[in-house]
């Protein structure tokens, strides 16, 4: 019998989403005390509205990664007012692209989504490893 991942092409969107969701689930199961991540600076500066306060420490990253997984799984996207305004600005910037060939536009967004999902999966795994370092458990 084939594994669940073998049913999908290794480059499929379903597999990318499944890998990310699995990495977040592993993170949640490993990180039993997320509060230990508070005030632990992130090695990477993520572009979270020019590194707003909530993304500067590992705890903010932890919450963001969980929220993004929940949004991807439920299909519900909740943005606060500040992020909604930024999203609208981005949409206006991209409006000229909407008049292009639908297939080219789809491929452009699909490549971007694969890139984002891969990056998020790596960041989630990295955060889990950092937590294990904090509590003194080596891999």
C-alpha atoms as a PDB file:
ATOM      1  CA  UNK A   1       0.000   0.000   0.000  1.00  0.00           C
ATOM      2  CA  UNK A   2       1.315   3.457  -0.872  1.00  0.00           C
ATOM      3  CA  UNK A   3       1.994   6.023   1.807  1.00  0.00           C
ATOM      4  CA  UNK A   4      -0.268   9.069   1.944  1.00  0.00           C
ATOM      5  CA  UNK A   5       2.507  11.252   0.498  1.00  0.00           C
ATOM      6  CA  UNK A   6       3.148   8.830  -2.365  1.00  0.00           C
ATOM      7  CA  UNK A   7      -0.384   9.486  -3.663  1.00  0.00           C
ATOM      8  CA  UNK A   8       0.637  13.031  -4.543  1.00  0.00           C
ATOM      9  CA  UNK A   9       3.269  14.205  -6.958  1.00  0.00           C
ATOM     10  CA  UNK A  10       6.211  15.487  -4.912  1.00  0.00           C
ATOM     11  CA  UNK A  11       5.552  18.955  -6.312  1.00  0.00           C
ATOM     12  CA  UNK A  12       1.808  18.997  -5.675  1.00  0.00           C
ATOM     13  CA  UNK A  13       0.145  21.746  -3.719  1.00  0.00           C
ATOM     14  CA  UNK A  14      -1.664  19.185  -1.573  1.00  0.00           C
ATOM     15  CA  UNK A  15       1.642  17.664  -0.520  1.00  0.00           C
ATOM     16  CA  UNK A  16       3.184  21.074   0.235  1.00  0.00           C
ATOM     17  CA  UNK A  17       0.201  21.960   2.429  1.00  0.00           C
ATOM     18  CA  UNK A  18       0.316  18.545   4.107  1.00  0.00           C
ATOM     19  CA  UNK A  19       4.041  18.921   4.870  1.00  0.00           C
ATOM     20  CA  UNK A  20       3.488  22.361   6.396  1.00  0.00           C
ATOM     21  CA  UNK A  21       0.514  21.192   8.428  1.00  0.00           C
ATOM     22  CA  UNK A  22       2.516  18.198   9.653  1.00  0.00           C
ATOM     23  CA  UNK A  23       5.465  20.412  10.620  1.00  0.00           C
ATOM     24  CA  UNK A  24       3.142  22.703  12.618  1.00  0.00           C
ATOM     25  CA  UNK A  25       1.497  19.698  14.292  1.00  0.00           C
ATOM     26  CA  UNK A  26       4.957  18.369  15.251  1.00  0.00           C
ATOM     27  CA  UNK A  27       5.858  21.843  16.543  1.00  0.00           C
ATOM     28  CA  UNK A  28       2.702  21.968  18.685  1.00  0.00           C
ATOM     29  CA  UNK A  29       3.338  18.484  20.078  1.00  0.00           C
ATOM     30  CA  UNK A  30       6.989  19.268  20.833  1.00  0.00           C
ATOM     31  CA  UNK A  31       6.555  22.758  22.260  1.00  0.00           C
ATOM     32  CA  UNK A  32       4.726  22.041  25.488  1.00  0.00           C
ATOM     33  CA  UNK A  33       5.545  25.414  27.044  1.00  0.00           C
ATOM     34  CA  UNK A  34       5.307  28.032  24.279  1.00  0.00           C
ATOM     35  CA  UNK A  35       5.840  30.768  26.872  1.00  0.00           C
ATOM     36  CA  UNK A  36       9.518  29.718  27.003  1.00  0.00           C
ATOM     37  CA  UNK A  37       9.805  31.257  23.550  1.00  0.00           C
ATOM     38  CA  UNK A  38       8.833  34.729  24.772  1.00  0.00           C
ATOM     39  CA  UNK A  39      11.613  37.299  24.429  1.00  0.00           C
ATOM     40  CA  UNK A  40      13.838  34.784  22.616  1.00  0.00           C
ATOM     41  CA  UNK A  41      14.939  36.730  19.540  1.00  0.00           C
ATOM     42  CA  UNK A  42      14.450  35.149  16.172  1.00  0.00           C
ATOM     43  CA  UNK A  43      17.616  34.548  14.156  1.00  0.00           C
ATOM     44  CA  UNK A  44      15.736  35.554  11.038  1.00  0.00           C
ATOM     45  CA  UNK A  45      13.940  38.800  10.490  1.00  0.00           C
ATOM     46  CA  UNK A  46      10.675  37.926   8.801  1.00  0.00           C
ATOM     47  CA  UNK A  47       8.898  40.546   6.795  1.00  0.00           C
ATOM     48  CA  UNK A  48       6.002  40.912   9.224  1.00  0.00           C
ATOM     49  CA  UNK A  49       5.072  44.516   8.514  1.00  0.00           C
ATOM     50  CA  UNK A  50       8.739  45.483   8.783  1.00  0.00           C
ATOM     51  CA  UNK A  51       9.245  43.202  11.802  1.00  0.00           C
ATOM     52  CA  UNK A  52       6.433  44.448  13.957  1.00  0.00           C
ATOM     53  CA  UNK A  53       6.650  43.563  17.620  1.00  0.00           C
ATOM     54  CA  UNK A  54       4.655  40.310  17.345  1.00  0.00           C
ATOM     55  CA  UNK A  55       7.216  38.683  15.018  1.00  0.00           C
ATOM     56  CA  UNK A  56      10.423  39.702  16.742  1.00  0.00           C
ATOM     57  CA  UNK A  57      10.535  36.810  19.175  1.00  0.00           C
ATOM     58  CA  UNK A  58      10.059  33.079  18.710  1.00  0.00           C
ATOM     59  CA  UNK A  59       6.743  33.165  20.573  1.00  0.00           C
ATOM     60  CA  UNK A  60       5.286  35.565  17.995  1.00  0.00           C
ATOM     61  CA  UNK A  61       6.598  33.337  15.222  1.00  0.00           C
ATOM     62  CA  UNK A  62       5.042  30.299  16.920  1.00  0.00           C
ATOM     63  CA  UNK A  63       1.629  31.988  17.080  1.00  0.00           C
ATOM     64  CA  UNK A  64       1.894  33.220  13.490  1.00  0.00           C
ATOM     65  CA  UNK A  65       2.818  29.776  12.113  1.00  0.00           C
ATOM     66  CA  UNK A  66      -0.127  28.185  13.939  1.00  0.00           C
ATOM     67  CA  UNK A  67      -2.542  30.870  12.724  1.00  0.00           C
ATOM     68  CA  UNK A  68      -1.373  30.481   9.134  1.00  0.00           C
ATOM     69  CA  UNK A  69      -1.814  26.701   9.295  1.00  0.00           C
ATOM     70  CA  UNK A  70      -5.323  27.145  10.710  1.00  0.00           C
ATOM     71  CA  UNK A  71      -6.195  29.591   7.927  1.00  0.00           C
ATOM     72  CA  UNK A  72      -4.841  27.226   5.256  1.00  0.00           C
ATOM     73  CA  UNK A  73      -6.805  24.283   6.651  1.00  0.00           C
ATOM     74  CA  UNK A  74     -10.078  26.120   7.287  1.00  0.00           C
ATOM     75  CA  UNK A  75     -10.023  28.466   4.315  1.00  0.00           C
ATOM     76  CA  UNK A  76     -10.867  31.352   6.635  1.00  0.00           C
ATOM     77  CA  UNK A  77      -8.575  34.332   6.592  1.00  0.00           C
ATOM     78  CA  UNK A  78      -8.880  36.865   9.368  1.00  0.00           C
ATOM     79  CA  UNK A  79      -6.854  40.050   9.088  1.00  0.00           C
ATOM     80  CA  UNK A  80      -6.751  42.827  11.604  1.00  0.00           C
ATOM     81  CA  UNK A  81      -7.509  46.323  10.302  1.00  0.00           C
ATOM     82  CA  UNK A  82      -3.834  47.231   9.724  1.00  0.00           C
ATOM     83  CA  UNK A  83      -3.107  44.058   7.768  1.00  0.00           C
ATOM     84  CA  UNK A  84      -6.365  44.393   5.807  1.00  0.00           C
ATOM     85  CA  UNK A  85      -5.317  47.882   4.633  1.00  0.00           C
ATOM     86  CA  UNK A  86      -1.890  46.570   3.612  1.00  0.00           C
ATOM     87  CA  UNK A  87      -3.579  43.690   1.770  1.00  0.00           C
ATOM     88  CA  UNK A  88      -5.819  46.131  -0.140  1.00  0.00           C
ATOM     89  CA  UNK A  89      -2.768  48.201  -1.120  1.00  0.00           C
ATOM     90  CA  UNK A  90      -1.045  45.081  -2.416  1.00  0.00           C
ATOM     91  CA  UNK A  91      -4.151  44.106  -4.408  1.00  0.00           C
ATOM     92  CA  UNK A  92      -4.226  47.547  -6.070  1.00  0.00           C
ATOM     93  CA  UNK A  93      -0.543  47.169  -6.958  1.00  0.00           C
ATOM     94  CA  UNK A  94      -1.218  43.790  -8.562  1.00  0.00           C
ATOM     95  CA  UNK A  95      -4.374  44.841 -10.460  1.00  0.00           C
ATOM     96  CA  UNK A  96      -2.532  45.137 -13.802  1.00  0.00           C
ATOM     97  CA  UNK A  97      -1.612  41.457 -13.496  1.00  0.00           C
ATOM     98  CA  UNK A  98      -5.273  40.490 -13.366  1.00  0.00           C
ATOM     99  CA  UNK A  99      -5.637  41.428 -17.035  1.00  0.00           C
ATOM    100  CA  UNK A 100      -2.924  38.984 -18.116  1.00  0.00           C
ATOM    101  CA  UNK A 101      -3.307  35.447 -19.355  1.00  0.00           C
ATOM    102  CA  UNK A 102      -5.129  33.426 -16.638  1.00  0.00           C
ATOM    103  CA  UNK A 103      -2.842  30.419 -17.105  1.00  0.00           C
ATOM    104  CA  UNK A 104       0.295  32.532 -16.715  1.00  0.00           C
ATOM    105  CA  UNK A 105      -1.203  34.229 -13.663  1.00  0.00           C
ATOM    106  CA  UNK A 106      -2.078  30.843 -12.144  1.00  0.00           C
ATOM    107  CA  UNK A 107       1.457  29.527 -12.722  1.00  0.00           C
ATOM    108  CA  UNK A 108       2.949  32.687 -11.211  1.00  0.00           C
ATOM    109  CA  UNK A 109       0.849  32.366  -8.048  1.00  0.00           C
ATOM    110  CA  UNK A 110       1.345  28.616  -7.803  1.00  0.00           C
ATOM    111  CA  UNK A 111       5.149  28.991  -7.934  1.00  0.00           C
ATOM    112  CA  UNK A 112       4.899  31.678  -5.267  1.00  0.00           C
ATOM    113  CA  UNK A 113       2.699  29.500  -3.091  1.00  0.00           C
ATOM    114  CA  UNK A 114       5.108  26.563  -3.369  1.00  0.00           C
ATOM    115  CA  UNK A 115       7.948  28.857  -2.362  1.00  0.00           C
ATOM    116  CA  UNK A 116       6.038  30.250   0.621  1.00  0.00           C
ATOM    117  CA  UNK A 117       4.901  26.807   1.811  1.00  0.00           C
ATOM    118  CA  UNK A 118       8.453  25.472   1.601  1.00  0.00           C
ATOM    119  CA  UNK A 119       9.814  28.446   3.544  1.00  0.00           C
ATOM    120  CA  UNK A 120       7.102  28.168   6.199  1.00  0.00           C
ATOM    121  CA  UNK A 121       7.762  24.453   6.632  1.00  0.00           C
ATOM    122  CA  UNK A 122      11.490  25.106   7.120  1.00  0.00           C
ATOM    123  CA  UNK A 123      10.814  27.954   9.572  1.00  0.00           C
ATOM    124  CA  UNK A 124       8.438  25.742  11.564  1.00  0.00           C
ATOM    125  CA  UNK A 125      10.994  22.951  11.767  1.00  0.00           C
ATOM    126  CA  UNK A 126      13.695  25.445  12.756  1.00  0.00           C
ATOM    127  CA  UNK A 127      11.530  26.907  15.523  1.00  0.00           C
ATOM    128  CA  UNK A 128      10.869  23.402  16.873  1.00  0.00           C
ATOM    129  CA  UNK A 129      14.621  22.678  16.914  1.00  0.00           C
ATOM    130  CA  UNK A 130      15.343  25.957  18.720  1.00  0.00           C
ATOM    131  CA  UNK A 131      12.762  25.092  21.374  1.00  0.00           C
ATOM    132  CA  UNK A 132      14.433  21.726  21.879  1.00  0.00           C
ATOM    133  CA  UNK A 133      17.764  23.524  22.307  1.00  0.00           C
ATOM    134  CA  UNK A 134      16.176  25.851  24.884  1.00  0.00           C
ATOM    135  CA  UNK A 135      14.900  22.948  26.983  1.00  0.00           C
ATOM    136  CA  UNK A 136      18.177  21.043  26.582  1.00  0.00           C
ATOM    137  CA  UNK A 137      17.009  18.176  24.417  1.00  0.00           C
ATOM    138  CA  UNK A 138      19.418  17.437  21.568  1.00  0.00           C
ATOM    139  CA  UNK A 139      18.346  15.962  18.254  1.00  0.00           C
END
